[in-house]
C-alpha atoms as a PDB file:
ATOM      1  CA  MET A   1     100.764  99.321  99.512  1.00  0.00           C
ATOM      2  CA  ASN A   2     102.246 101.883  96.890  1.00  0.00           C
ATOM      3  CA  LYS A   3     105.729 100.347  96.920  1.00  0.00           C
ATOM      4  CA  LYS A   4     103.948  96.734  96.121  1.00  0.00           C
ATOM      5  CA  LYS A   5     101.887  98.577  93.252  1.00  0.00           C
ATOM      6  CA  LEU A   6     105.073 100.280  92.010  1.00  0.00           C
ATOM      7  CA  LEU A   7     107.193  97.145  92.101  1.00  0.00           C
ATOM      8  CA  ALA A   8     104.690  95.199  90.341  1.00  0.00           C
ATOM      9  CA  ILE A   9     104.989  97.758  87.658  1.00  0.00           C
ATOM     10  CA  LEU A  10     108.196  97.970  87.605  1.00  0.00           C
ATOM     11  CA  GLU A  11     108.947  94.067  87.368  1.00  0.00           C
ATOM     12  CA  ASP A  12     106.111  93.825  84.705  1.00  0.00           C
ATOM     13  CA  ILE A  13     108.543  96.231  82.409  1.00  0.00           C
ATOM     14  CA  CYS A  14     111.877  95.232  83.173  1.00  0.00           C
ATOM     15  CA  PRO A  15     111.389  91.402  84.797  1.00  0.00           C
ATOM     16  CA  ASP A  16     115.209  90.825  84.878  1.00  0.00           C
ATOM     17  CA  VAL A  17     116.116  93.901  87.040  1.00  0.00           C
ATOM     18  CA  ASP A  18     115.825  93.339  91.035  1.00  0.00           C
ATOM     19  CA  PHE A  19     114.236  96.720  91.822  1.00  0.00           C
ATOM     20  CA  GLU A  20     114.031  95.924  95.561  1.00  0.00           C
ATOM     21  CA  THR A  21     117.604  96.339  95.753  1.00  0.00           C
ATOM     22  CA  GLU A  22     119.186  98.236  92.943  1.00  0.00           C
ATOM     23  CA  GLU A  23     119.999 101.841  93.863  1.00  0.00           C
ATOM     24  CA  ASN A  24     121.801 102.968  90.270  1.00  0.00           C
ATOM     25  CA  LEU A  25     119.016 101.658  87.802  1.00  0.00           C
ATOM     26  CA  ILE A  26     119.930 104.596  85.399  1.00  0.00           C
ATOM     27  CA  ASP A  27     123.386 104.953  86.153  1.00  0.00           C
ATOM     28  CA  ASP A  28     124.140 101.416  85.718  1.00  0.00           C
ATOM     29  CA  GLY A  29     121.976 101.213  82.391  1.00  0.00           C
ATOM     30  CA  LEU A  30     119.907  98.673  84.111  1.00  0.00           C
ATOM     31  CA  ILE A  31     116.866 100.625  82.391  1.00  0.00           C
ATOM     32  CA  GLU A  32     116.708 102.485  79.330  1.00  0.00           C
ATOM     33  CA  SER A  33     114.668 105.453  77.869  1.00  0.00           C
ATOM     34  CA  LEU A  34     112.089 103.228  76.481  1.00  0.00           C
ATOM     35  CA  ASP A  35     111.700 101.717  79.839  1.00  0.00           C
ATOM     36  CA  ILE A  36     111.368 105.024  81.495  1.00  0.00           C
ATOM     37  CA  VAL A  37     108.534 106.181  79.121  1.00  0.00           C
ATOM     38  CA  GLN A  38     106.659 103.006  79.820  1.00  0.00           C
ATOM     39  CA  ILE A  39     107.125 103.322  83.678  1.00  0.00           C
ATOM     40  CA  VAL A  40     106.053 106.904  83.414  1.00  0.00           C
ATOM     41  CA  ASN A  41     102.905 105.976  81.459  1.00  0.00           C
ATOM     42  CA  GLU A  42     102.335 103.185  84.176  1.00  0.00           C
ATOM     43  CA  ILE A  43     102.986 105.395  86.966  1.00  0.00           C
ATOM     44  CA  LYS A  44     100.510 108.156  85.813  1.00  0.00           C
ATOM     45  CA  ALA A  45      97.584 105.810  85.226  1.00  0.00           C
ATOM     46  CA  GLU A  46      98.196 103.690  88.087  1.00  0.00           C
ATOM     47  CA  PHE A  47      98.828 106.541  90.935  1.00  0.00           C
ATOM     48  CA  ASP A  48      96.759 109.351  89.005  1.00  0.00           C
ATOM     49  CA  VAL A  49      99.769 111.763  89.006  1.00  0.00           C
ATOM     50  CA  GLU A  50     101.297 114.256  86.595  1.00  0.00           C
ATOM     51  CA  ILE A  51     104.949 113.536  85.794  1.00  0.00           C
ATOM     52  CA  THR A  52     106.251 116.583  83.887  1.00  0.00           C
ATOM     53  CA  VAL A  53     109.738 116.912  81.772  1.00  0.00           C
ATOM     54  CA  ASP A  54     111.217 118.605  84.681  1.00  0.00           C
ATOM     55  CA  ASP A  55     110.491 115.235  86.891  1.00  0.00           C
ATOM     56  CA  LEU A  56     112.609 113.421  84.255  1.00  0.00           C
ATOM     57  CA  LEU A  57     115.813 113.351  86.219  1.00  0.00           C
ATOM     58  CA  PRO A  58     118.216 110.264  86.745  1.00  0.00           C
ATOM     59  CA  GLU A  59     117.893 110.848  90.443  1.00  0.00           C
ATOM     60  CA  ASN A  60     114.158 110.240  90.279  1.00  0.00           C
ATOM     61  CA  PHE A  61     114.615 106.979  88.635  1.00  0.00           C
ATOM     62  CA  ASN A  62     117.510 105.497  89.815  1.00  0.00           C
ATOM     63  CA  SER A  63     115.595 103.171  92.104  1.00  0.00           C
ATOM     64  CA  ALA A  64     112.345 102.144  93.094  1.00  0.00           C
ATOM     65  CA  ASP A  65     112.599 104.051  96.373  1.00  0.00           C
ATOM     66  CA  ALA A  66     113.370 107.177  94.292  1.00  0.00           C
ATOM     67  CA  MET A  67     110.363 106.792  92.208  1.00  0.00           C
ATOM     68  CA  LEU A  68     108.077 106.163  95.222  1.00  0.00           C
ATOM     69  CA  ALA A  69     109.257 109.307  96.729  1.00  0.00           C
ATOM     70  CA  MET A  70     108.603 111.095  93.463  1.00  0.00           C
ATOM     71  CA  ILE A  71     105.026 109.823  93.202  1.00  0.00           C
ATOM     72  CA  GLU A  72     104.346 110.614  97.101  1.00  0.00           C
ATOM     73  CA  SER A  73     105.483 114.102  96.303  1.00  0.00           C
ATOM     74  CA  LYS A  74     102.914 114.364  93.555  1.00  0.00           C
ATOM     75  CA  GLN A  75      99.799 112.962  95.399  1.00  0.00           C
END
């Protein structure tokens, strides 16, 4: 259920990216810093988690699964 919510958020922000299969979103330049700001704001609102500057690492945002793992570690 969390993954469906996350994918909906991601697809709303970046509709041209296949978040189900991409594993290198940042490394391949598929999402940019402004996208990450939007993603972080939506994750904080939807999942009621606190994301700090320390969490803003490429490995936490390179895939939907990585973002989901970060969210679940915060809940």
